[in-house]
């Protein structure tokens, strides 16, 4: 059975990160469900308009294997303001299910105590102030993993991160097949 992944979309989300993650994972037969607060269109960080698959109240975290947070400054602030997001994250964390965040979104994990103490993480360098005083150790790597928590730096790492997660979810063979079809630089 394919992995089932939740990707929440809040106003101001970084569309490149969200769409690349959704697209690459779906190419690898991962069941990706995007969700938002309402059925209204969501305006992303570059003023593109998007519709989610469902809404937060219809999400049961027990039905998912992973949650992946796209970044974007305002999208991250909006993720931090949603009580449903905190509930989802705590549920995934308690169950040791995969939690991933890119760009500014690792700040959400820091704010809600998913990343704490000396747990290593990476993020967009200037997003650190979003969770000022929260725990974690910033590494600056393109992708950082610690047990079930995975983080990445930003839009330029979206394909790398999506492929990394795809391999984690569905294995190297599936990831390599998808990667080859994307025709990324240095793909064979």
N, C-alpha and C. Protein backbone atom coordinates (compact mmCIF):
# COMPACT_ATOMS: atom_id res chain seq x y z
N UNK A 1 0.84 -1.19 0.00
CA UNK A 1 0.00 0.00 0.00
C UNK A 1 0.88 1.24 0.00
N UNK A 2 0.51 2.21 -0.79
CA UNK A 2 1.29 3.44 -0.93
C UNK A 2 1.25 4.27 0.34
N UNK A 3 2.31 5.01 0.55
CA UNK A 3 2.40 5.94 1.66
C UNK A 3 1.38 7.05 1.46
N UNK A 4 0.77 7.50 2.56
CA UNK A 4 -0.20 8.58 2.50
C UNK A 4 0.38 9.78 3.25
N UNK A 5 0.48 10.93 2.53
CA UNK A 5 1.16 12.11 3.05
C UNK A 5 0.21 13.31 3.06
N UNK A 6 0.22 14.04 4.17
CA UNK A 6 -0.54 15.27 4.31
C UNK A 6 0.36 16.47 4.06
N UNK A 7 -0.08 17.38 3.18
CA UNK A 7 0.64 18.63 2.95
C UNK A 7 -0.34 19.78 3.19
N UNK A 8 -0.21 20.47 4.34
CA UNK A 8 -1.09 21.60 4.61
C UNK A 8 -0.67 22.85 3.83
N UNK A 9 -1.66 23.55 3.31
CA UNK A 9 -1.42 24.77 2.54
C UNK A 9 -2.11 25.94 3.22
N UNK A 10 -1.32 26.87 3.72
CA UNK A 10 -1.86 28.08 4.33
C UNK A 10 -1.54 29.27 3.44
N UNK A 11 -2.34 30.34 3.49
CA UNK A 11 -2.05 31.52 2.67
C UNK A 11 -0.59 31.95 2.82
N UNK A 12 0.04 32.24 1.69
CA UNK A 12 1.44 32.66 1.69
C UNK A 12 2.43 31.52 1.59
N UNK A 13 1.93 30.27 1.38
CA UNK A 13 2.88 29.15 1.26
C UNK A 13 3.74 29.34 0.02
N UNK A 14 4.95 28.82 0.07
CA UNK A 14 5.89 28.89 -1.06
C UNK A 14 5.44 27.86 -2.09
N UNK A 15 4.86 28.36 -3.19
CA UNK A 15 4.24 27.45 -4.15
C UNK A 15 5.23 26.49 -4.81
N UNK A 16 6.44 26.95 -5.08
CA UNK A 16 7.41 26.06 -5.71
C UNK A 16 7.66 24.83 -4.83
N UNK A 17 7.85 25.07 -3.55
CA UNK A 17 8.12 23.96 -2.63
C UNK A 17 6.92 23.02 -2.55
N UNK A 18 5.74 23.57 -2.33
CA UNK A 18 4.55 22.73 -2.18
C UNK A 18 4.26 21.93 -3.44
N UNK A 19 4.27 22.59 -4.59
CA UNK A 19 3.90 21.92 -5.84
C UNK A 19 4.95 20.88 -6.23
N UNK A 20 6.22 21.20 -6.06
CA UNK A 20 7.27 20.22 -6.38
C UNK A 20 7.14 19.01 -5.47
N UNK A 21 6.92 19.23 -4.19
CA UNK A 21 6.75 18.10 -3.26
C UNK A 21 5.54 17.26 -3.65
N UNK A 22 4.41 17.91 -3.89
CA UNK A 22 3.19 17.18 -4.28
C UNK A 22 3.44 16.40 -5.57
N UNK A 23 3.97 17.07 -6.57
CA UNK A 23 4.17 16.47 -7.89
C UNK A 23 5.13 15.28 -7.84
N UNK A 24 6.31 15.48 -7.26
CA UNK A 24 7.33 14.42 -7.24
C UNK A 24 6.83 13.21 -6.44
N UNK A 25 6.21 13.46 -5.30
CA UNK A 25 5.71 12.34 -4.50
C UNK A 25 4.61 11.59 -5.22
N UNK A 26 3.71 12.32 -5.89
CA UNK A 26 2.63 11.65 -6.64
C UNK A 26 3.19 10.86 -7.82
N UNK A 27 4.25 11.34 -8.44
CA UNK A 27 4.88 10.59 -9.53
C UNK A 27 5.40 9.24 -9.03
N UNK A 28 5.74 9.19 -7.75
CA UNK A 28 6.21 7.94 -7.14
C UNK A 28 5.09 7.15 -6.48
N UNK A 29 3.86 7.46 -6.86
CA UNK A 29 2.68 6.75 -6.36
C UNK A 29 2.42 6.92 -4.87
N UNK A 30 2.94 8.00 -4.29
CA UNK A 30 2.59 8.35 -2.92
C UNK A 30 1.23 9.04 -2.98
N UNK A 31 0.36 8.70 -2.05
CA UNK A 31 -0.95 9.34 -1.99
C UNK A 31 -0.79 10.65 -1.20
N UNK A 32 -0.79 11.77 -1.91
CA UNK A 32 -0.61 13.07 -1.29
C UNK A 32 -1.96 13.78 -1.22
N UNK A 33 -2.28 14.25 -0.02
CA UNK A 33 -3.51 15.00 0.20
C UNK A 33 -3.11 16.38 0.68
N UNK A 34 -3.50 17.41 -0.07
CA UNK A 34 -3.27 18.78 0.40
C UNK A 34 -4.51 19.23 1.16
N UNK A 35 -4.30 20.03 2.19
CA UNK A 35 -5.42 20.48 3.02
C UNK A 35 -5.22 21.94 3.38
N UNK A 36 -6.33 22.64 3.57
CA UNK A 36 -6.29 24.04 3.98
C UNK A 36 -7.42 24.30 4.97
N UNK A 37 -7.46 25.51 5.49
CA UNK A 37 -8.45 25.85 6.51
C UNK A 37 -9.87 25.87 5.96
N UNK A 38 -10.03 26.30 4.71
CA UNK A 38 -11.37 26.39 4.12
C UNK A 38 -11.32 25.93 2.67
N UNK A 39 -12.50 25.87 2.06
CA UNK A 39 -12.57 25.45 0.66
C UNK A 39 -12.30 26.61 -0.30
N UNK A 40 -12.03 27.78 0.26
CA UNK A 40 -11.73 28.95 -0.57
C UNK A 40 -10.35 28.80 -1.23
N UNK A 41 -10.15 29.47 -2.38
CA UNK A 41 -8.82 29.45 -3.00
C UNK A 41 -7.76 30.02 -2.05
N UNK A 42 -6.57 29.48 -2.14
CA UNK A 42 -5.45 29.91 -1.30
C UNK A 42 -4.49 30.71 -2.16
N UNK A 43 -4.15 31.90 -1.72
CA UNK A 43 -3.18 32.72 -2.45
C UNK A 43 -1.80 32.44 -1.86
N UNK A 44 -0.91 31.96 -2.71
CA UNK A 44 0.43 31.57 -2.29
C UNK A 44 1.36 32.79 -2.28
N UNK A 45 2.63 32.56 -1.97
CA UNK A 45 3.59 33.64 -1.77
C UNK A 45 3.83 34.52 -3.00
N UNK A 46 3.69 33.96 -4.18
CA UNK A 46 3.91 34.73 -5.42
C UNK A 46 2.59 35.05 -6.11
N UNK A 47 1.53 35.10 -5.32
CA UNK A 47 0.18 35.46 -5.77
C UNK A 47 -0.43 34.49 -6.77
N UNK A 48 0.02 33.24 -6.76
CA UNK A 48 -0.66 32.22 -7.55
C UNK A 48 -1.82 31.68 -6.70
N UNK A 49 -2.85 31.19 -7.35
CA UNK A 49 -4.06 30.77 -6.65
C UNK A 49 -4.19 29.25 -6.72
N UNK A 50 -4.50 28.63 -5.57
CA UNK A 50 -4.53 27.17 -5.47
C UNK A 50 -5.76 26.70 -4.71
N UNK A 51 -6.17 25.48 -5.00
CA UNK A 51 -7.24 24.82 -4.27
C UNK A 51 -6.67 23.56 -3.62
N UNK A 52 -7.02 23.33 -2.37
CA UNK A 52 -6.55 22.12 -1.70
C UNK A 52 -7.51 20.97 -1.97
N UNK A 53 -7.03 19.76 -1.69
CA UNK A 53 -7.86 18.57 -1.88
C UNK A 53 -8.97 18.49 -0.84
N UNK A 54 -8.69 18.97 0.37
CA UNK A 54 -9.66 18.89 1.47
C UNK A 54 -9.40 20.00 2.46
N UNK A 55 -10.13 19.99 3.57
CA UNK A 55 -9.96 21.02 4.60
C UNK A 55 -9.53 20.38 5.92
N UNK A 56 -8.91 21.17 6.79
CA UNK A 56 -8.36 20.66 8.05
C UNK A 56 -9.37 19.84 8.87
N UNK A 57 -10.62 20.33 9.04
CA UNK A 57 -11.55 19.56 9.88
C UNK A 57 -11.85 18.14 9.35
N UNK A 58 -11.58 17.89 8.09
CA UNK A 58 -11.83 16.56 7.52
C UNK A 58 -10.63 15.63 7.62
N UNK A 59 -9.54 16.10 8.21
CA UNK A 59 -8.31 15.32 8.31
C UNK A 59 -8.29 14.51 9.61
N UNK A 60 -8.00 13.22 9.47
CA UNK A 60 -7.74 12.36 10.62
C UNK A 60 -6.27 11.96 10.54
N UNK A 61 -5.43 12.50 11.43
CA UNK A 61 -3.99 12.21 11.34
C UNK A 61 -3.65 10.72 11.37
N UNK A 62 -4.52 9.92 11.99
CA UNK A 62 -4.27 8.48 12.07
C UNK A 62 -4.29 7.81 10.70
N UNK A 63 -4.87 8.47 9.70
CA UNK A 63 -4.96 7.90 8.36
C UNK A 63 -3.73 8.22 7.50
N UNK A 64 -2.77 8.95 8.06
CA UNK A 64 -1.60 9.40 7.29
C UNK A 64 -0.33 8.80 7.87
N UNK A 65 0.67 8.65 6.98
CA UNK A 65 1.98 8.15 7.37
C UNK A 65 2.98 9.27 7.61
N UNK A 66 2.71 10.45 7.03
CA UNK A 66 3.67 11.55 7.11
C UNK A 66 2.95 12.88 6.91
N UNK A 67 3.59 13.93 7.40
CA UNK A 67 3.15 15.31 7.15
C UNK A 67 4.36 16.08 6.65
N UNK A 68 4.15 16.90 5.61
CA UNK A 68 5.23 17.69 5.02
C UNK A 68 4.76 19.14 4.94
N UNK A 69 5.53 20.04 5.55
CA UNK A 69 5.18 21.46 5.57
C UNK A 69 5.99 22.25 4.55
N UNK A 70 5.32 22.90 3.58
CA UNK A 70 6.04 23.81 2.70
C UNK A 70 6.32 25.10 3.46
N UNK A 71 7.32 25.83 3.02
CA UNK A 71 7.67 27.08 3.68
C UNK A 71 6.98 28.28 3.08
N UNK A 72 7.73 29.36 2.97
CA UNK A 72 7.18 30.66 2.62
C UNK A 72 7.00 31.42 3.92
N UNK A 73 7.45 32.65 3.97
CA UNK A 73 7.41 33.42 5.21
C UNK A 73 5.99 33.54 5.77
N UNK A 74 5.06 34.06 4.96
CA UNK A 74 3.70 34.21 5.46
C UNK A 74 3.01 32.87 5.64
N UNK A 75 3.30 31.91 4.76
CA UNK A 75 2.73 30.58 4.91
C UNK A 75 3.15 29.95 6.22
N UNK A 76 4.41 30.15 6.60
CA UNK A 76 4.92 29.61 7.86
C UNK A 76 4.25 30.29 9.05
N UNK A 77 4.13 31.61 8.98
CA UNK A 77 3.44 32.33 10.06
C UNK A 77 2.00 31.83 10.20
N UNK A 78 1.35 31.58 9.07
CA UNK A 78 -0.03 31.09 9.11
C UNK A 78 -0.11 29.65 9.62
N UNK A 79 0.88 28.81 9.28
CA UNK A 79 0.93 27.46 9.84
C UNK A 79 1.05 27.53 11.37
N UNK A 80 1.89 28.45 11.85
CA UNK A 80 2.11 28.61 13.29
C UNK A 80 0.85 29.06 14.02
N UNK A 81 -0.04 29.74 13.31
CA UNK A 81 -1.25 30.29 13.93
C UNK A 81 -2.41 29.30 13.96
N UNK A 82 -2.27 28.17 13.29
CA UNK A 82 -3.37 27.20 13.18
C UNK A 82 -3.30 26.15 14.28
N UNK A 83 -4.34 26.10 15.11
CA UNK A 83 -4.37 25.09 16.17
C UNK A 83 -4.42 23.68 15.58
N UNK A 84 -5.06 23.53 14.41
CA UNK A 84 -5.12 22.20 13.78
C UNK A 84 -3.72 21.71 13.41
N UNK A 85 -2.87 22.61 12.95
CA UNK A 85 -1.51 22.22 12.57
C UNK A 85 -0.75 21.72 13.80
N UNK A 86 -0.88 22.43 14.91
CA UNK A 86 -0.22 21.97 16.13
C UNK A 86 -0.74 20.59 16.53
N UNK A 87 -2.06 20.40 16.45
CA UNK A 87 -2.65 19.10 16.77
C UNK A 87 -2.10 18.00 15.85
N UNK A 88 -2.09 18.28 14.54
CA UNK A 88 -1.57 17.29 13.58
C UNK A 88 -0.13 16.93 13.92
N UNK A 89 0.70 17.97 14.11
CA UNK A 89 2.13 17.73 14.36
C UNK A 89 2.35 16.94 15.65
N UNK A 90 1.64 17.29 16.71
CA UNK A 90 1.81 16.56 17.96
C UNK A 90 1.38 15.10 17.81
N UNK A 91 0.31 14.88 17.05
CA UNK A 91 -0.16 13.52 16.80
C UNK A 91 0.89 12.71 16.04
N UNK A 92 1.45 13.30 14.98
CA UNK A 92 2.48 12.62 14.20
C UNK A 92 3.73 12.36 15.05
N UNK A 93 4.11 13.36 15.85
CA UNK A 93 5.31 13.26 16.66
C UNK A 93 5.16 12.17 17.72
N UNK A 94 4.02 12.13 18.40
CA UNK A 94 3.76 11.11 19.42
C UNK A 94 3.83 9.71 18.82
N UNK A 95 3.33 9.58 17.58
CA UNK A 95 3.33 8.28 16.90
C UNK A 95 4.64 7.99 16.17
N UNK A 96 5.59 8.91 16.24
CA UNK A 96 6.89 8.78 15.54
C UNK A 96 6.72 8.62 14.03
N UNK A 97 5.69 9.25 13.49
CA UNK A 97 5.49 9.25 12.03
C UNK A 97 6.37 10.34 11.43
N UNK A 98 6.65 10.20 10.15
CA UNK A 98 7.53 11.15 9.46
C UNK A 98 6.95 12.56 9.47
N UNK A 99 7.80 13.50 9.89
CA UNK A 99 7.48 14.93 9.87
C UNK A 99 8.58 15.60 9.07
N UNK A 100 8.18 16.37 8.04
CA UNK A 100 9.17 17.05 7.20
C UNK A 100 8.76 18.51 7.02
N UNK A 101 9.76 19.38 6.87
CA UNK A 101 9.50 20.81 6.68
C UNK A 101 10.64 21.41 5.88
N UNK A 102 10.31 22.36 5.03
CA UNK A 102 11.29 22.99 4.15
C UNK A 102 11.23 24.51 4.30
N UNK A 103 12.37 25.15 4.07
CA UNK A 103 12.48 26.61 4.01
C UNK A 103 12.25 27.22 5.39
N UNK A 104 11.24 28.05 5.54
CA UNK A 104 10.94 28.68 6.83
C UNK A 104 10.15 27.74 7.74
N UNK A 105 9.51 26.72 7.19
CA UNK A 105 8.60 25.86 7.95
C UNK A 105 9.23 25.09 9.12
N UNK A 106 10.54 24.80 9.13
CA UNK A 106 11.08 24.18 10.35
C UNK A 106 10.84 25.03 11.61
N UNK A 107 10.61 26.34 11.43
CA UNK A 107 10.28 27.19 12.58
C UNK A 107 8.98 26.73 13.24
N UNK A 108 8.06 26.19 12.46
CA UNK A 108 6.81 25.67 13.02
C UNK A 108 7.14 24.50 13.94
N UNK A 109 8.02 23.63 13.49
CA UNK A 109 8.42 22.47 14.30
C UNK A 109 9.12 22.92 15.59
N UNK A 110 9.90 23.98 15.51
CA UNK A 110 10.57 24.52 16.68
C UNK A 110 9.57 25.16 17.63
N UNK A 111 8.63 25.92 17.09
CA UNK A 111 7.64 26.59 17.94
C UNK A 111 6.82 25.58 18.73
N UNK A 112 6.45 24.48 18.10
CA UNK A 112 5.60 23.49 18.75
C UNK A 112 6.38 22.40 19.49
N UNK A 113 7.71 22.57 19.62
CA UNK A 113 8.51 21.66 20.41
C UNK A 113 8.83 20.33 19.75
N UNK A 114 8.57 20.20 18.45
CA UNK A 114 8.93 18.98 17.72
C UNK A 114 10.45 18.94 17.56
N UNK A 115 11.02 20.09 17.25
CA UNK A 115 12.48 20.26 17.26
C UNK A 115 12.79 21.04 18.53
N UNK A 116 13.57 20.40 19.42
CA UNK A 116 13.90 21.03 20.70
C UNK A 116 15.30 20.60 21.12
N UNK A 117 15.75 21.15 22.21
CA UNK A 117 17.06 20.78 22.74
C UNK A 117 18.15 20.93 21.70
N UNK A 118 18.91 19.87 21.48
CA UNK A 118 20.03 19.89 20.54
C UNK A 118 19.69 19.19 19.22
N UNK A 119 18.42 18.93 18.95
CA UNK A 119 18.03 18.25 17.72
C UNK A 119 18.52 19.07 16.52
N UNK A 120 19.27 18.44 15.60
CA UNK A 120 19.75 19.18 14.42
C UNK A 120 18.62 19.43 13.42
N UNK A 121 18.67 20.59 12.80
CA UNK A 121 17.71 20.94 11.75
C UNK A 121 18.37 21.91 10.79
N UNK A 122 17.75 22.06 9.64
CA UNK A 122 18.17 23.09 8.70
C UNK A 122 16.93 23.85 8.28
N UNK A 123 17.13 25.02 7.70
CA UNK A 123 16.02 25.88 7.30
C UNK A 123 16.58 27.03 6.47
N UNK A 124 15.69 27.81 5.89
CA UNK A 124 16.12 29.02 5.20
C UNK A 124 16.81 29.89 6.24
N UNK A 125 18.04 30.35 5.97
CA UNK A 125 18.85 31.00 7.00
C UNK A 125 18.17 32.17 7.73
N UNK A 126 17.42 32.98 7.04
CA UNK A 126 16.84 34.16 7.70
C UNK A 126 15.53 33.87 8.42
N UNK A 127 15.10 32.61 8.46
CA UNK A 127 13.82 32.28 9.10
C UNK A 127 13.96 31.98 10.58
N UNK A 128 15.17 32.01 11.10
CA UNK A 128 15.41 31.63 12.49
C UNK A 128 14.61 32.47 13.48
N UNK A 129 14.40 33.73 13.19
CA UNK A 129 13.69 34.62 14.11
C UNK A 129 12.22 34.25 14.27
N UNK A 130 11.66 33.47 13.35
CA UNK A 130 10.25 33.09 13.46
C UNK A 130 9.96 32.30 14.72
N UNK A 131 10.91 31.54 15.18
CA UNK A 131 10.76 30.76 16.42
C UNK A 131 11.88 31.15 17.38
N UNK A 132 12.10 32.43 17.50
CA UNK A 132 13.20 32.96 18.31
C UNK A 132 13.17 32.37 19.72
N UNK A 133 14.31 31.84 20.14
CA UNK A 133 14.42 31.27 21.47
C UNK A 133 14.03 29.80 21.57
N UNK A 134 13.45 29.25 20.50
CA UNK A 134 13.07 27.83 20.52
C UNK A 134 14.32 26.97 20.34
N UNK A 135 14.18 25.70 20.60
CA UNK A 135 15.32 24.79 20.59
C UNK A 135 15.76 24.33 19.22
N UNK A 136 16.68 23.39 19.24
CA UNK A 136 17.26 22.85 18.01
C UNK A 136 18.61 23.44 17.73
N UNK A 137 19.39 22.73 16.92
CA UNK A 137 20.71 23.19 16.51
C UNK A 137 20.72 23.33 15.00
N UNK A 138 20.86 24.55 14.51
CA UNK A 138 20.88 24.82 13.08
C UNK A 138 22.18 24.32 12.48
N UNK A 139 22.08 23.53 11.37
CA UNK A 139 23.28 22.98 10.74
C UNK A 139 23.62 23.64 9.41
N UNK A 140 22.64 24.22 8.73
CA UNK A 140 22.88 24.84 7.43
C UNK A 140 23.01 23.86 6.29
N UNK A 141 22.83 22.57 6.54
CA UNK A 141 22.89 21.57 5.47
C UNK A 141 21.70 21.74 4.54
N UNK A 142 21.79 21.18 3.35
CA UNK A 142 20.67 21.25 2.40
C UNK A 142 19.50 20.39 2.88
N UNK A 143 19.81 19.24 3.46
CA UNK A 143 18.81 18.36 4.07
C UNK A 143 19.38 17.86 5.38
N UNK A 144 18.56 17.89 6.40
CA UNK A 144 18.98 17.39 7.71
C UNK A 144 17.92 16.41 8.21
N UNK A 145 18.35 15.28 8.75
CA UNK A 145 17.43 14.29 9.28
C UNK A 145 17.83 13.90 10.69
N UNK A 146 16.83 13.73 11.53
CA UNK A 146 17.04 13.27 12.89
C UNK A 146 15.85 12.39 13.25
N UNK A 147 16.08 11.11 13.30
CA UNK A 147 15.02 10.13 13.53
C UNK A 147 13.88 10.33 12.52
N UNK A 148 12.69 10.70 12.96
CA UNK A 148 11.54 10.84 12.05
C UNK A 148 11.31 12.28 11.58
N UNK A 149 12.26 13.18 11.88
CA UNK A 149 12.13 14.60 11.53
C UNK A 149 13.14 14.93 10.42
N UNK A 150 12.62 15.52 9.34
CA UNK A 150 13.45 15.83 8.17
C UNK A 150 13.21 17.29 7.77
N UNK A 151 14.30 18.03 7.54
CA UNK A 151 14.19 19.44 7.18
C UNK A 151 15.08 19.76 5.98
N UNK A 152 14.72 20.85 5.27
CA UNK A 152 15.50 21.26 4.10
C UNK A 152 15.50 22.79 4.01
N UNK A 153 16.43 23.33 3.20
CA UNK A 153 16.73 24.77 3.24
C UNK A 153 15.82 25.71 2.46
N UNK A 154 15.24 25.29 1.35
CA UNK A 154 14.43 26.27 0.62
C UNK A 154 14.07 25.86 -0.78
N UNK A 155 13.55 26.81 -1.56
CA UNK A 155 13.04 26.50 -2.90
C UNK A 155 14.04 25.75 -3.77
N UNK A 156 15.31 26.13 -3.68
CA UNK A 156 16.33 25.50 -4.51
C UNK A 156 16.61 24.05 -4.15
N UNK A 157 16.16 23.63 -2.97
CA UNK A 157 16.36 22.24 -2.56
C UNK A 157 15.08 21.42 -2.67
N UNK A 158 14.04 21.99 -3.25
CA UNK A 158 12.73 21.32 -3.28
C UNK A 158 12.78 19.97 -4.02
N UNK A 159 13.45 19.91 -5.18
CA UNK A 159 13.53 18.63 -5.89
C UNK A 159 14.35 17.62 -5.08
N UNK A 160 15.49 18.06 -4.54
CA UNK A 160 16.33 17.17 -3.72
C UNK A 160 15.52 16.60 -2.55
N UNK A 161 14.81 17.49 -1.87
CA UNK A 161 14.05 17.10 -0.69
C UNK A 161 12.91 16.16 -1.06
N UNK A 162 12.21 16.48 -2.14
CA UNK A 162 11.11 15.63 -2.59
C UNK A 162 11.62 14.23 -2.95
N UNK A 163 12.75 14.16 -3.65
CA UNK A 163 13.32 12.86 -4.01
C UNK A 163 13.84 12.12 -2.77
N UNK A 164 14.42 12.86 -1.85
CA UNK A 164 14.87 12.27 -0.58
C UNK A 164 13.69 11.63 0.15
N UNK A 165 12.59 12.37 0.25
CA UNK A 165 11.40 11.86 0.93
C UNK A 165 10.79 10.68 0.16
N UNK A 166 10.78 10.79 -1.17
CA UNK A 166 10.25 9.69 -1.98
C UNK A 166 11.03 8.41 -1.73
N UNK A 167 12.35 8.50 -1.67
CA UNK A 167 13.16 7.31 -1.39
C UNK A 167 12.85 6.78 0.01
N UNK A 168 12.68 7.66 0.96
CA UNK A 168 12.33 7.27 2.32
C UNK A 168 11.00 6.52 2.35
N UNK A 169 10.02 7.02 1.59
CA UNK A 169 8.67 6.43 1.60
C UNK A 169 8.55 5.18 0.74
N UNK A 170 9.13 5.21 -0.47
CA UNK A 170 8.85 4.16 -1.45
C UNK A 170 10.09 3.38 -1.92
N UNK A 171 11.27 3.76 -1.46
CA UNK A 171 12.47 3.03 -1.80
C UNK A 171 13.28 3.66 -2.93
N UNK A 172 14.53 3.22 -3.02
CA UNK A 172 15.48 3.77 -3.98
C UNK A 172 15.07 3.54 -5.43
N UNK A 173 14.54 2.37 -5.73
CA UNK A 173 14.18 2.06 -7.11
C UNK A 173 13.10 3.00 -7.64
N UNK A 174 12.08 3.22 -6.85
CA UNK A 174 11.01 4.15 -7.24
C UNK A 174 11.57 5.56 -7.39
N UNK A 175 12.39 5.98 -6.41
CA UNK A 175 12.97 7.32 -6.46
C UNK A 175 13.81 7.51 -7.72
N UNK A 176 14.66 6.53 -8.04
CA UNK A 176 15.53 6.65 -9.22
C UNK A 176 14.71 6.73 -10.51
N UNK A 177 13.64 5.98 -10.60
CA UNK A 177 12.78 6.02 -11.79
C UNK A 177 12.14 7.39 -11.94
N UNK A 178 11.62 7.94 -10.86
CA UNK A 178 11.02 9.28 -10.90
C UNK A 178 12.08 10.32 -11.23
N UNK A 179 13.23 10.22 -10.60
CA UNK A 179 14.32 11.17 -10.82
C UNK A 179 14.73 11.20 -12.28
N UNK A 180 14.86 10.04 -12.88
CA UNK A 180 15.26 9.97 -14.29
C UNK A 180 14.23 10.67 -15.17
N UNK A 181 12.96 10.50 -14.88
CA UNK A 181 11.91 11.12 -15.67
C UNK A 181 11.82 12.64 -15.51
N UNK A 182 12.43 13.18 -14.46
CA UNK A 182 12.38 14.63 -14.24
C UNK A 182 13.41 15.38 -15.08
N UNK A 183 14.43 14.67 -15.58
CA UNK A 183 15.48 15.30 -16.38
C UNK A 183 16.17 16.44 -15.64
N UNK A 184 16.46 16.23 -14.37
CA UNK A 184 17.20 17.21 -13.59
C UNK A 184 18.65 17.25 -14.05
N UNK A 185 19.37 18.34 -13.77
CA UNK A 185 20.79 18.36 -14.11
C UNK A 185 21.49 17.17 -13.47
N UNK A 186 22.40 16.58 -14.19
CA UNK A 186 23.19 15.44 -13.73
C UNK A 186 22.38 14.16 -13.62
N UNK A 187 21.15 14.15 -14.15
CA UNK A 187 20.38 12.91 -14.18
C UNK A 187 20.87 12.07 -15.35
N UNK A 188 20.91 10.79 -15.15
CA UNK A 188 21.36 9.91 -16.23
C UNK A 188 20.20 9.16 -16.83
